[in-house]
């Protein structure tokens, strides 16, 4: 997966095209976070590729297929493994909440999505959808596409804090930072469709044809975008005609190694044609400050009390810095992004005053508000004028955007990681030989954040009822069924629990499973200075009739060669 990857990492070394199988640690060597993270990425890719090969681009197990978009009581009546009492409770919940999402598992591009309980559409754990007037849906007969949006979010101890659960941060360390986490986010969303099509036909098309489904979603939901950039270090002239003054020549002029992050902040809109903006951070945007309280000073300024102001000057805040206020709703709701400027810093009270558009910036503590520092303000880019134009970051690092075309677009949140090293004075960026045999940096697509989608249902409303066409793919057991086999004692093999019963067997297409028989231990005796020689019974049926004194022949250790059968 191409996730958020917004931590204090050295770099991301995973490259799928290299076909690495695993990472091998060596004794006495330096341990790097990149090695451990690459091992995780290798294993994760293998598991998700396996699931994709088995289930396809989307699908769920027939006996536990989740994420059914429930809008009618008839759908509840058709749910298996539910008692009448449980169905009545679901119907009551449906009447009060309008839409439900069933529990179970579903795979999207090989990624396992799990829903442990039947929940309301409006009470999803990682998504607060805009309220839809269900009466209006019914009266106007609008058609909606219900789909699943899956992506990977980076979680720090700030976002993980919860008094009711065990958290990431180890309190015994006194606040020291440790490892972070990656979280799978799934969100069930609705998109209104045109009403001039037969919904049954539409449901069949988007279930079978992925391109048809994505065309209905629209380009604005395809994330990351397909735009590319190039990162290099360029020479800097001193402007002095002096042979004793050596100019910098395509070298990174910083004093420390960094992992730069260039991220798209805004994209072209109807009122802002062909113009986007980006921001950058030299620490992969990992410098954050938990917000304790907030108080709006006026319409253009806000005062914040922070939990801390960093451990040193490089990870702190100063007047003139640019920051972004983040909380769960801001991240999960894909809100419009805004930068604020630091105007004042009180290091005794851990308070800062920010200027800018501060509307709707207050948030509740349980939504994990934090301040993220960027090392630049918004840099404006006109896509119609980007050919051969370089945008400087700092210390000789520059990036270039590729011209915008129909198949080359950018999305908010697209980002690129740019490792720079003082040992080489250069950026680590993929290169390729040109016709002259010289290495040239190659345009690279965004590192993330990748969103994966799957259709769930097509819903049509009328004044009397709602019609729901299920678009999920159920992976049935008839494709690879086997006949149940009992053991020698005629005891049935253990069955699955009632909550997850075994899938039904297609009697017409069953195959016989071949079981390899193994020898069974009848008896054993162990002595410190004797060797055990077992008399093997010819069959299990008559082994129980053999006298116990004949099962094992104990010989003394002195006669060891005689006690060992030839070929043992």
Protein backbone atom coordinates (compact mmCIF):
# COMPACT_ATOMS: atom_id res chain seq x y z
CA UNK A 1 0.00 0.00 0.00
CA UNK A 2 1.03 3.58 -0.60
CA UNK A 3 0.09 5.04 2.76
CA UNK A 4 0.52 8.33 4.53
CA UNK A 5 4.09 7.53 5.74
CA UNK A 6 4.35 10.77 7.71
CA UNK A 7 6.93 9.97 10.40
CA UNK A 8 10.51 10.65 11.41
CA UNK A 9 12.03 8.06 9.05
CA UNK A 10 15.42 7.98 7.37
CA UNK A 11 13.87 7.02 4.02
CA UNK A 12 11.62 4.44 2.31
CA UNK A 13 13.75 1.84 0.53
CA UNK A 14 10.98 -0.52 -0.61
CA UNK A 15 11.00 -1.00 -4.38
CA UNK A 16 8.59 -3.60 -5.72
CA UNK A 17 10.44 -3.86 -9.03
CA UNK A 18 13.53 -5.30 -7.29
CA UNK A 19 11.60 -8.44 -6.27
CA UNK A 20 13.32 -8.70 -2.90
CA UNK A 21 12.00 -11.66 -0.89
CA UNK A 22 13.15 -10.64 2.59
CA UNK A 23 15.58 -8.53 4.59
CA UNK A 24 18.48 -10.39 6.22
CA UNK A 25 20.00 -8.82 9.33
CA UNK A 26 23.73 -9.36 9.93
CA UNK A 27 25.51 -9.61 13.25
CA UNK A 28 27.27 -6.55 14.52
CA UNK A 29 25.80 -4.27 11.85
CA UNK A 30 23.97 -0.99 12.24
CA UNK A 31 20.22 -1.44 12.47
CA UNK A 32 18.18 1.02 10.39
CA UNK A 33 14.49 1.79 10.58
CA UNK A 34 14.36 1.61 6.77
CA UNK A 35 15.42 -2.07 6.83
CA UNK A 36 12.69 -3.06 9.26
CA UNK A 37 10.06 -1.04 7.40
CA UNK A 38 11.09 -2.58 4.08
CA UNK A 39 10.69 -6.08 5.50
CA UNK A 40 7.16 -5.17 6.55
CA UNK A 41 6.39 -3.76 3.10
CA UNK A 42 7.72 -6.93 1.40
CA UNK A 43 5.53 -9.17 3.53
CA UNK A 44 2.51 -6.88 3.23
CA UNK A 45 2.79 -6.83 -0.56
CA UNK A 46 3.01 -10.61 -0.69
CA UNK A 47 -0.07 -11.10 1.49
CA UNK A 48 -2.15 -8.54 -0.38
CA UNK A 49 -1.08 -9.90 -3.76
CA UNK A 50 -2.07 -13.40 -2.64
CA UNK A 51 -5.48 -12.15 -1.49
CA UNK A 52 -5.96 -10.27 -4.77
CA UNK A 53 -5.07 -13.38 -6.80
CA UNK A 54 -7.57 -15.44 -4.79
CA UNK A 55 -10.47 -13.00 -4.33
CA UNK A 56 -9.88 -10.75 -7.32
CA UNK A 57 -9.93 -6.97 -7.10
CA UNK A 58 -12.88 -7.16 -4.72
CA UNK A 59 -14.86 -9.81 -2.90
CA UNK A 60 -15.70 -11.42 0.39
CA UNK A 61 -16.21 -14.95 1.75
CA UNK A 62 -19.72 -16.21 1.12
CA UNK A 63 -20.29 -17.26 4.72
CA UNK A 64 -18.95 -13.99 6.21
CA UNK A 65 -19.25 -11.37 3.47
CA UNK A 66 -19.56 -7.98 5.13
CA UNK A 67 -20.35 -4.39 4.18
CA UNK A 68 -23.82 -5.00 2.79
CA UNK A 69 -25.54 -1.63 2.43
CA UNK A 70 -28.86 -2.27 4.18
CA UNK A 71 -31.78 0.05 3.43
CA UNK A 72 -34.81 -2.27 3.62
CA UNK A 73 -36.23 -4.73 6.14
CA UNK A 74 -36.27 -7.40 3.46
CA UNK A 75 -32.48 -7.36 3.42
CA UNK A 76 -32.47 -7.99 7.17
CA UNK A 77 -34.86 -10.94 6.76
CA UNK A 78 -32.44 -12.51 4.28
CA UNK A 79 -29.44 -12.39 6.64
CA UNK A 80 -28.40 -15.87 7.77
CA UNK A 81 -27.25 -16.88 11.26
CA UNK A 82 -29.36 -14.25 13.01
CA UNK A 83 -32.12 -14.99 15.49
CA UNK A 84 -35.53 -13.35 15.18
CA UNK A 85 -34.75 -11.21 18.20
CA UNK A 86 -31.55 -9.93 16.59
CA UNK A 87 -33.37 -9.19 13.36
CA UNK A 88 -36.02 -7.19 15.22
CA UNK A 89 -33.31 -5.09 16.87
CA UNK A 90 -31.72 -4.42 13.49
CA UNK A 91 -35.07 -3.36 12.06
CA UNK A 92 -35.55 -0.89 14.89
CA UNK A 93 -32.06 0.46 14.28
CA UNK A 94 -32.81 0.72 10.56
CA UNK A 95 -35.97 2.75 11.21
CA UNK A 96 -34.08 5.25 13.34
CA UNK A 97 -30.88 5.44 11.25
CA UNK A 98 -32.16 4.91 7.66
CA UNK A 99 -29.11 2.92 6.49
CA UNK A 100 -27.01 0.14 8.05
CA UNK A 101 -23.70 -1.55 7.20
CA UNK A 102 -23.47 -5.27 7.86
CA UNK A 103 -20.67 -6.90 9.79
CA UNK A 104 -18.14 -9.21 8.17
CA UNK A 105 -15.05 -9.12 5.96
CA UNK A 106 -14.44 -7.76 2.49
CA UNK A 107 -11.29 -7.55 0.36
CA UNK A 108 -10.50 -4.50 -1.78
CA UNK A 109 -7.39 -4.87 -3.98
CA UNK A 110 -6.21 -7.59 -1.62
CA UNK A 111 -6.68 -5.41 1.47
CA UNK A 112 -8.77 -6.95 4.25
CA UNK A 113 -11.53 -4.66 5.57
CA UNK A 114 -13.19 -5.81 8.79
CA UNK A 115 -16.44 -4.66 10.37
CA UNK A 116 -17.12 -6.31 13.72
CA UNK A 117 -20.71 -5.16 14.28
CA UNK A 118 -23.79 -3.98 12.40
CA UNK A 119 -23.47 -0.20 12.46
CA UNK A 120 -25.36 2.82 11.22
CA UNK A 121 -24.16 4.49 8.05
CA UNK A 122 -24.04 7.77 9.98
CA UNK A 123 -21.98 6.32 12.85
CA UNK A 124 -18.99 4.84 11.07
CA UNK A 125 -15.85 4.64 13.23
CA UNK A 126 -13.58 6.56 10.83
CA UNK A 127 -16.04 8.66 8.85
CA UNK A 128 -18.72 11.25 9.57
CA UNK A 129 -20.75 11.48 6.35
CA UNK A 130 -22.75 14.52 5.48
CA UNK A 131 -26.33 13.91 6.49
CA UNK A 132 -28.53 12.97 3.55
CA UNK A 133 -32.23 13.79 3.68
CA UNK A 134 -33.69 10.31 3.20
CA UNK A 135 -37.19 11.71 2.66
CA UNK A 136 -35.86 13.75 -0.24
CA UNK A 137 -34.20 10.64 -1.66
CA UNK A 138 -37.50 8.77 -1.56
CA UNK A 139 -39.65 11.59 -2.96
CA UNK A 140 -37.36 12.55 -5.81
CA UNK A 141 -36.42 9.00 -6.68
CA UNK A 142 -32.71 9.76 -6.80
CA UNK A 143 -30.20 7.03 -7.53
CA UNK A 144 -27.12 6.60 -5.37
CA UNK A 145 -23.98 4.50 -5.62
CA UNK A 146 -22.76 3.13 -2.29
CA UNK A 147 -19.04 2.35 -2.41
CA UNK A 148 -16.17 1.48 -0.09
CA UNK A 149 -13.17 3.82 0.17
CA UNK A 150 -10.04 2.20 1.67
CA UNK A 151 -6.74 3.90 2.51
CA UNK A 152 -3.83 3.84 4.95
CA UNK A 153 -3.43 6.48 7.66
CA UNK A 154 -0.31 7.17 9.68
CA UNK A 155 -0.97 7.16 13.44
CA UNK A 156 1.29 8.75 16.08
CA UNK A 157 0.83 8.52 19.87
CA UNK A 158 -1.06 11.83 19.63
CA UNK A 159 -3.80 10.42 17.38
CA UNK A 160 -3.87 7.14 19.34
CA UNK A 161 -4.52 8.66 22.76
CA UNK A 162 -7.65 7.16 24.38
CA UNK A 163 -8.33 6.87 28.12
CA UNK A 164 -10.41 3.73 27.55
CA UNK A 165 -7.73 1.67 25.80
CA UNK A 166 -4.05 0.76 25.95
CA UNK A 167 -2.16 3.35 23.91
CA UNK A 168 0.99 3.31 21.80
CA UNK A 169 3.06 5.47 24.14
CA UNK A 170 4.82 3.68 26.98
CA UNK A 171 4.19 5.84 30.06
CA UNK A 172 7.16 4.27 31.88
CA UNK A 173 9.49 6.09 29.46
CA UNK A 174 8.36 9.46 30.70
CA UNK A 175 7.00 10.73 27.40
CA UNK A 176 9.76 9.46 25.12
CA UNK A 177 8.68 8.88 21.53
CA UNK A 178 8.79 5.34 20.14
CA UNK A 179 7.38 3.58 17.08
CA UNK A 180 4.27 4.77 15.28
CA UNK A 181 1.53 2.79 13.57
CA UNK A 182 -0.24 2.44 10.23
CA UNK A 183 -4.02 2.15 10.33
CA UNK A 184 -6.38 0.85 7.69
CA UNK A 185 -9.26 3.29 7.21
CA UNK A 186 -12.46 2.17 5.47
CA UNK A 187 -15.31 4.53 4.72
CA UNK A 188 -18.68 3.71 3.16
CA UNK A 189 -19.78 6.66 1.02
CA UNK A 190 -22.65 7.63 -1.26
CA UNK A 191 -22.47 9.30 -4.67
CA UNK A 192 -25.55 10.46 -6.55
CA UNK A 193 -25.86 9.10 -10.08
CA UNK A 194 -27.77 10.28 -13.11
CA UNK A 195 -31.36 9.12 -13.13
CA UNK A 196 -31.57 8.40 -16.86
CA UNK A 197 -30.18 4.87 -16.61
CA UNK A 198 -31.68 1.54 -15.60
CA UNK A 199 -30.29 0.91 -12.15
CA UNK A 200 -30.32 -2.89 -12.53
CA UNK A 201 -28.15 -2.60 -15.63
CA UNK A 202 -25.87 -0.11 -13.91
CA UNK A 203 -25.48 -2.42 -10.91
CA UNK A 204 -24.45 -5.34 -13.14
CA UNK A 205 -21.97 -3.20 -15.08
CA UNK A 206 -20.14 -1.74 -12.10
CA UNK A 207 -20.01 -5.18 -10.45
CA UNK A 208 -18.30 -6.79 -13.45
CA UNK A 209 -16.45 -3.87 -15.06
CA UNK A 210 -13.96 -1.97 -12.95
CA UNK A 211 -13.49 0.76 -15.56
CA UNK A 212 -17.23 1.44 -15.58
CA UNK A 213 -17.21 1.76 -11.79
CA UNK A 214 -14.27 4.18 -11.78
CA UNK A 215 -15.82 6.28 -14.54
CA UNK A 216 -18.89 6.74 -12.34
CA UNK A 217 -16.73 7.73 -9.38
CA UNK A 218 -15.04 10.45 -11.41
CA UNK A 219 -11.45 11.59 -11.69
CA UNK A 220 -11.63 13.69 -8.51
CA UNK A 221 -11.71 10.48 -6.42
CA UNK A 222 -8.71 8.83 -8.08
CA UNK A 223 -5.94 9.21 -5.49
CA UNK A 224 -3.08 9.67 -5.77
CA UNK A 225 -3.05 11.63 -8.99
CA UNK A 226 -0.92 10.75 -11.99
CA UNK A 227 1.19 13.89 -12.02
CA UNK A 228 4.96 13.49 -11.71
CA UNK A 229 7.91 15.56 -10.49
CA UNK A 230 11.71 15.48 -10.72
CA UNK A 231 14.00 16.36 -7.81
CA UNK A 232 17.65 17.36 -8.24
CA UNK A 233 20.39 19.44 -6.70
CA UNK A 234 21.53 22.32 -8.87
CA UNK A 235 24.73 24.32 -8.97
CA UNK A 236 24.86 27.75 -7.38
CA UNK A 237 27.11 30.47 -8.77
CA UNK A 238 28.88 32.78 -6.31
CA UNK A 239 28.74 35.71 -8.70
CA UNK A 240 32.43 36.38 -8.00
CA UNK A 241 35.00 36.04 -10.78
CA UNK A 242 37.71 34.72 -8.51
CA UNK A 243 39.55 31.44 -9.17
CA UNK A 244 40.22 31.11 -5.43
CA UNK A 245 36.49 30.98 -4.67
CA UNK A 246 35.13 27.53 -5.55
CA UNK A 247 31.44 27.64 -6.53
CA UNK A 248 29.00 25.05 -5.35
CA UNK A 249 28.46 22.60 -8.19
CA UNK A 250 25.31 20.52 -8.04
CA UNK A 251 25.73 19.83 -4.34
CA UNK A 252 23.38 19.76 -1.41
CA UNK A 253 24.61 22.56 0.83
CA UNK A 254 22.89 21.49 4.05
CA UNK A 255 24.79 20.32 7.09
CA UNK A 256 22.52 17.38 8.02
CA UNK A 257 20.82 14.46 6.32
CA UNK A 258 17.10 14.99 5.76
CA UNK A 259 14.04 13.34 4.30
CA UNK A 260 12.29 16.15 2.44
CA UNK A 261 8.61 15.91 1.68
CA UNK A 262 6.94 17.93 -1.08
CA UNK A 263 3.15 17.76 -0.80
CA UNK A 264 0.31 19.14 -2.94
CA UNK A 265 -1.70 21.61 -0.85
CA UNK A 266 -4.33 22.85 -3.33
CA UNK A 267 -5.25 21.83 -6.88
CA UNK A 268 -6.80 23.66 -9.83
CA UNK A 269 -10.47 24.55 -9.46
CA UNK A 270 -13.05 26.28 -11.65
CA UNK A 271 -12.03 29.64 -10.22
CA UNK A 272 -8.34 28.75 -10.08
CA UNK A 273 -7.63 27.19 -13.46
CA UNK A 274 -4.25 25.45 -13.98
CA UNK A 275 -2.85 26.64 -10.66
CA UNK A 276 -1.91 24.47 -7.72
CA UNK A 277 0.22 25.00 -4.63
CA UNK A 278 2.57 22.82 -2.64
CA UNK A 279 4.40 22.94 0.69
CA UNK A 280 7.53 21.17 1.81
CA UNK A 281 9.14 19.92 5.00
CA UNK A 282 12.72 18.87 5.61
CA UNK A 283 11.61 16.37 8.29
CA UNK A 284 8.85 14.57 6.35
CA UNK A 285 6.25 16.78 8.11
CA UNK A 286 6.82 14.79 11.32
CA UNK A 287 7.21 17.85 13.59
CA UNK A 288 3.87 18.10 15.42
CA UNK A 289 2.59 19.62 18.66
CA UNK A 290 -0.49 18.34 20.56
CA UNK A 291 -3.07 21.07 21.20
CA UNK A 292 -4.38 21.26 24.77
CA UNK A 293 -6.81 24.19 24.49
CA UNK A 294 -7.72 26.80 21.89
CA UNK A 295 -9.26 30.25 22.20
CA UNK A 296 -10.14 32.43 19.23
CA UNK A 297 -8.73 35.90 19.73
CA UNK A 298 -10.51 37.42 16.76
CA UNK A 299 -11.59 36.52 13.24
CA UNK A 300 -8.03 36.50 11.93
CA UNK A 301 -6.05 35.16 14.92
CA UNK A 302 -6.25 32.23 17.28
CA UNK A 303 -4.40 31.44 20.54
CA UNK A 304 -3.38 27.86 21.27
CA UNK A 305 -1.97 26.16 24.35
CA UNK A 306 0.29 23.28 23.37
CA UNK A 307 1.40 20.25 25.33
CA UNK A 308 5.02 21.08 24.53
CA UNK A 309 7.12 23.17 22.15
CA UNK A 310 9.58 20.50 21.04
CA UNK A 311 12.68 18.94 22.50
CA UNK A 312 15.18 21.33 20.84
CA UNK A 313 15.33 24.37 18.57
CA UNK A 314 15.21 22.27 15.40
CA UNK A 315 11.94 20.65 16.45
CA UNK A 316 10.32 23.73 17.98
CA UNK A 317 8.27 26.71 16.75
CA UNK A 318 9.48 30.20 16.01
CA UNK A 319 7.83 33.41 14.92
CA UNK A 320 7.27 33.31 11.17
CA UNK A 321 6.85 29.52 10.93
CA UNK A 322 3.99 28.08 8.92
CA UNK A 323 1.68 25.51 10.52
CA UNK A 324 -1.46 23.54 9.82
CA UNK A 325 -4.09 22.65 12.43
CA UNK A 326 -5.04 18.96 12.20
CA UNK A 327 -7.68 16.82 13.88
CA UNK A 328 -9.49 13.57 13.08
CA UNK A 329 -12.33 15.27 11.22
CA UNK A 330 -9.83 17.30 9.20
CA UNK A 331 -7.98 14.17 8.05
CA UNK A 332 -10.84 11.71 7.67
CA UNK A 333 -13.20 14.22 6.07
CA UNK A 334 -10.76 15.42 3.40
CA UNK A 335 -11.31 19.07 4.40
CA UNK A 336 -9.94 22.10 2.59
CA UNK A 337 -6.40 22.80 3.77
CA UNK A 338 -5.20 26.06 5.28
CA UNK A 339 -1.83 27.34 6.46
CA UNK A 340 -1.50 29.67 9.43
CA UNK A 341 1.47 31.83 10.40
CA UNK A 342 3.05 31.86 13.86
CA UNK A 343 2.93 35.43 15.21
CA UNK A 344 3.89 34.97 18.87
CA UNK A 345 5.44 32.19 20.97
CA UNK A 346 5.29 32.01 24.78
CA UNK A 347 7.75 29.29 25.79
CA UNK A 348 6.88 29.53 29.49
CA UNK A 349 3.15 28.91 29.05
CA UNK A 350 3.57 26.82 25.87
CA UNK A 351 1.26 29.17 24.00
CA UNK A 352 1.29 30.40 20.40
CA UNK A 353 -0.78 32.93 18.50
CA UNK A 354 -1.51 32.20 14.86
CA UNK A 355 -2.77 34.49 12.14
CA UNK A 356 -4.79 33.61 9.07
CA UNK A 357 -8.22 32.24 8.29
CA UNK A 358 -9.04 30.66 11.65
CA UNK A 359 -12.70 29.79 11.14
CA UNK A 360 -13.78 26.34 12.28
CA UNK A 361 -10.38 25.67 13.83
CA UNK A 362 -11.47 24.81 17.36
CA UNK A 363 -11.87 21.11 18.10
CA UNK A 364 -12.64 18.76 20.96
CA UNK A 365 -9.79 16.94 22.76
CA UNK A 366 -11.10 13.49 21.78
CA UNK A 367 -10.57 14.41 18.13
CA UNK A 368 -6.81 14.57 18.74
CA UNK A 369 -6.03 18.13 17.58
CA UNK A 370 -2.41 18.92 16.77
CA UNK A 371 -0.27 21.52 15.07
CA UNK A 372 1.88 20.37 12.13
CA UNK A 373 4.87 22.47 11.15
CA UNK A 374 5.85 23.04 7.54
CA UNK A 375 9.16 24.56 6.52
CA UNK A 376 7.67 26.65 3.74
CA UNK A 377 4.63 28.70 2.93
CA UNK A 378 2.40 27.77 0.01
CA UNK A 379 4.37 27.79 -3.23
CA UNK A 380 2.14 28.63 -6.21
CA UNK A 381 2.57 26.68 -9.45
CA UNK A 382 0.95 27.53 -12.78
CA UNK A 383 0.72 24.23 -14.62
CA UNK A 384 0.54 25.94 -17.99
CA UNK A 385 3.99 27.45 -17.41
CA UNK A 386 5.93 24.64 -15.72
CA UNK A 387 7.91 23.36 -18.72
CA UNK A 388 11.62 23.41 -17.80
CA UNK A 389 10.85 25.54 -14.72
CA UNK A 390 12.49 24.59 -11.44
CA UNK A 391 11.11 25.45 -8.00
CA UNK A 392 13.77 25.77 -5.29
CA UNK A 393 13.26 24.28 -1.84
CA UNK A 394 16.50 25.10 0.02
CA UNK A 395 20.25 24.42 0.01
CA UNK A 396 20.34 23.60 -3.70
CA UNK A 397 17.35 21.22 -3.81
CA UNK A 398 14.91 21.94 -6.64
CA UNK A 399 11.87 20.18 -8.07
CA UNK A 400 10.13 20.36 -11.43
CA UNK A 401 6.47 19.58 -12.19
CA UNK A 402 5.47 17.82 -15.36
CA UNK A 403 3.06 19.69 -17.65
CA UNK A 404 -0.58 19.00 -16.91
CA UNK A 405 -2.41 16.96 -19.56
CA UNK A 406 -5.54 14.87 -19.67
CA UNK A 407 -3.68 11.89 -18.21
CA UNK A 408 -1.42 13.87 -15.90
CA UNK A 409 -3.20 15.46 -12.96
CA UNK A 410 -2.49 16.17 -9.30
CA UNK A 411 -4.60 15.64 -6.18
CA UNK A 412 -4.55 17.28 -2.76
CA UNK A 413 -2.31 15.20 -0.48
CA UNK A 414 -0.08 13.79 -3.24
CA UNK A 415 3.46 13.74 -1.89
CA UNK A 416 7.01 12.83 -2.86
CA UNK A 417 9.85 11.83 -0.52
CA UNK A 418 13.28 13.29 -1.31
CA UNK A 419 16.16 11.84 0.76
CA UNK A 420 19.29 14.01 0.74
CA UNK A 421 22.69 12.98 2.09
CA UNK A 422 25.67 15.11 3.03
CA UNK A 423 28.03 12.22 2.18
CA UNK A 424 27.17 12.52 -1.51
CA UNK A 425 25.88 16.08 -1.54
CA UNK A 426 22.97 14.89 -3.64
CA UNK A 427 19.41 13.67 -3.53
CA UNK A 428 18.53 9.98 -3.80
CA UNK A 429 16.35 9.93 -6.90
CA UNK A 430 15.81 7.25 -9.60
CA UNK A 431 17.88 7.86 -12.73
CA UNK A 432 18.12 6.43 -16.22
CA UNK A 433 20.74 6.62 -18.96
CA UNK A 434 19.97 8.89 -21.88
CA UNK A 435 21.10 8.40 -25.48
CA UNK A 436 24.53 9.79 -24.63
CA UNK A 437 24.94 7.30 -21.78
CA UNK A 438 24.60 9.92 -19.04
CA UNK A 439 22.36 9.40 -16.02
CA UNK A 440 19.31 11.66 -15.90
CA UNK A 441 16.70 11.89 -13.12
CA UNK A 442 13.36 10.39 -14.12
CA UNK A 443 9.89 11.82 -13.38
CA UNK A 444 8.29 9.93 -10.49
CA UNK A 445 4.60 9.49 -9.57
CA UNK A 446 3.42 10.36 -6.04
CA UNK A 447 4.42 8.16 -3.14
CA UNK A 448 0.79 8.27 -1.93
CA UNK A 449 -1.75 8.48 -0.44
CA UNK A 450 -3.42 5.67 -2.42
CA UNK A 451 -7.18 5.14 -2.14
CA UNK A 452 -8.80 1.86 -3.19
CA UNK A 453 -12.49 1.57 -4.05
CA UNK A 454 -15.13 -1.14 -4.40
CA UNK A 455 -18.85 -0.87 -5.28
CA UNK A 456 -21.30 -2.03 -2.61
CA UNK A 457 -24.79 -1.24 -3.92
CA UNK A 458 -26.95 0.88 -6.20
CA UNK A 459 -29.94 2.43 -4.42
CA UNK A 460 -33.03 3.92 -5.99
CA UNK A 461 -35.82 5.61 -4.05
CA UNK A 462 -39.46 6.25 -4.81
CA UNK A 463 -42.42 7.46 -2.71
CA UNK A 464 -43.26 3.93 -1.57
CA UNK A 465 -40.01 2.09 -1.02
CA UNK A 466 -36.33 1.81 -1.73
CA UNK A 467 -34.77 -0.61 -4.18
CA UNK A 468 -31.28 -1.89 -3.39
CA UNK A 469 -29.12 -3.81 -5.87
CA UNK A 470 -26.21 -5.53 -4.11
CA UNK A 471 -22.94 -5.07 -6.05
CA UNK A 472 -20.65 -7.08 -3.80
CA UNK A 473 -18.84 -10.16 -5.09
CA UNK A 474 -19.21 -13.21 -2.89
CA UNK A 475 -16.51 -15.84 -3.15
CA UNK A 476 -18.42 -19.11 -2.86
CA UNK A 477 -17.05 -22.41 -1.62
CA UNK A 478 -18.18 -24.35 -4.72
CA UNK A 479 -15.00 -23.38 -6.57
CA UNK A 480 -12.75 -25.41 -4.28
CA UNK A 481 -14.84 -27.69 -2.09
CA UNK A 482 -13.73 -30.92 -0.48
CA UNK A 483 -15.58 -33.78 1.14
CA UNK A 484 -15.39 -33.74 4.95
CA UNK A 485 -13.17 -36.53 6.27
CA UNK A 486 -13.49 -38.20 9.66
CA UNK A 487 -10.64 -39.70 11.62
CA UNK A 488 -9.96 -43.40 12.23
CA UNK A 489 -12.05 -43.47 15.42
CA UNK A 490 -15.07 -42.21 13.46
CA UNK A 491 -15.07 -38.99 15.43
CA UNK A 492 -16.18 -36.03 13.32
CA UNK A 493 -13.59 -33.41 12.57
CA UNK A 494 -13.96 -30.13 14.54
CA UNK A 495 -16.40 -27.74 12.89
CA UNK A 496 -16.29 -23.96 12.82
CA UNK A 497 -18.21 -22.01 15.42
CA UNK A 498 -21.84 -21.06 14.87
CA UNK A 499 -20.80 -17.47 14.30
CA UNK A 500 -18.67 -18.51 11.30
CA UNK A 501 -20.23 -21.77 9.98
CA UNK A 502 -18.43 -23.72 7.26
CA UNK A 503 -19.44 -22.80 3.73
CA UNK A 504 -22.06 -25.00 2.08
CA UNK A 505 -20.84 -27.89 -0.06
CA UNK A 506 -21.86 -28.23 -3.68
CA UNK A 507 -22.60 -31.95 -3.95
CA UNK A 508 -22.30 -31.90 -7.74
CA UNK A 509 -18.75 -30.57 -7.77
CA UNK A 510 -17.15 -32.16 -4.72
CA UNK A 511 -13.70 -33.67 -4.83
CA UNK A 512 -12.24 -36.27 -2.52
CA UNK A 513 -9.46 -35.05 -0.28
CA UNK A 514 -6.48 -37.39 0.05
CA UNK A 515 -5.24 -37.65 3.62
CA UNK A 516 -1.74 -38.96 4.27
CA UNK A 517 -1.77 -41.54 7.08
CA UNK A 518 0.91 -41.21 9.78
CA UNK A 519 2.08 -43.72 12.42
CA UNK A 520 0.43 -43.23 15.77
CA UNK A 521 2.32 -43.43 19.10
CA UNK A 522 0.85 -46.30 21.16
CA UNK A 523 3.09 -46.17 24.21
CA UNK A 524 6.44 -44.77 25.33
CA UNK A 525 8.93 -45.40 28.11
CA UNK A 526 12.08 -43.41 28.84
CA UNK A 527 15.04 -44.43 30.99
CA UNK A 528 18.29 -42.53 31.45
CA UNK A 529 20.65 -45.42 30.66
CA UNK A 530 18.54 -47.65 28.44
CA UNK A 531 17.68 -47.53 24.77
CA UNK A 532 14.09 -47.94 23.62
CA UNK A 533 13.24 -50.24 20.73
CA UNK A 534 9.63 -50.20 19.59
CA UNK A 535 7.84 -53.12 18.04
CA UNK A 536 5.74 -51.48 15.35
CA UNK A 537 2.28 -52.92 14.96
CA UNK A 538 1.24 -53.94 11.48
CA UNK A 539 -2.04 -52.02 11.70
CA UNK A 540 -3.88 -49.69 14.02
CA UNK A 541 -6.83 -52.08 14.24
CA UNK A 542 -4.96 -54.85 16.12
CA UNK A 543 -2.40 -52.66 17.95
CA UNK A 544 -4.59 -52.40 21.01
CA UNK A 545 -4.61 -56.22 21.36
CA UNK A 546 -0.80 -56.52 21.66
CA UNK A 547 0.36 -57.10 25.26
CA UNK A 548 2.11 -54.13 26.73
CA UNK A 549 5.27 -56.10 27.54
CA UNK A 550 5.67 -56.88 23.82
CA UNK A 551 5.26 -53.32 22.62
CA UNK A 552 8.65 -52.23 23.89
CA UNK A 553 11.83 -54.27 24.30
CA UNK A 554 14.25 -52.53 26.63
CA UNK A 555 17.90 -53.36 26.21
CA UNK A 556 20.85 -52.15 28.21
CA UNK A 557 23.02 -49.31 27.03
CA UNK A 558 25.94 -51.70 26.70
CA UNK A 559 24.13 -53.50 23.88
CA UNK A 560 23.47 -50.28 22.01
CA UNK A 561 24.40 -51.55 18.49
CA UNK A 562 22.05 -54.52 18.90
CA UNK A 563 19.22 -52.29 20.01
CA UNK A 564 19.21 -50.24 16.85
CA UNK A 565 17.48 -51.70 13.86
CA UNK A 566 19.37 -51.66 10.54
CA UNK A 567 18.74 -48.53 8.54
CA UNK A 568 17.60 -46.50 11.57
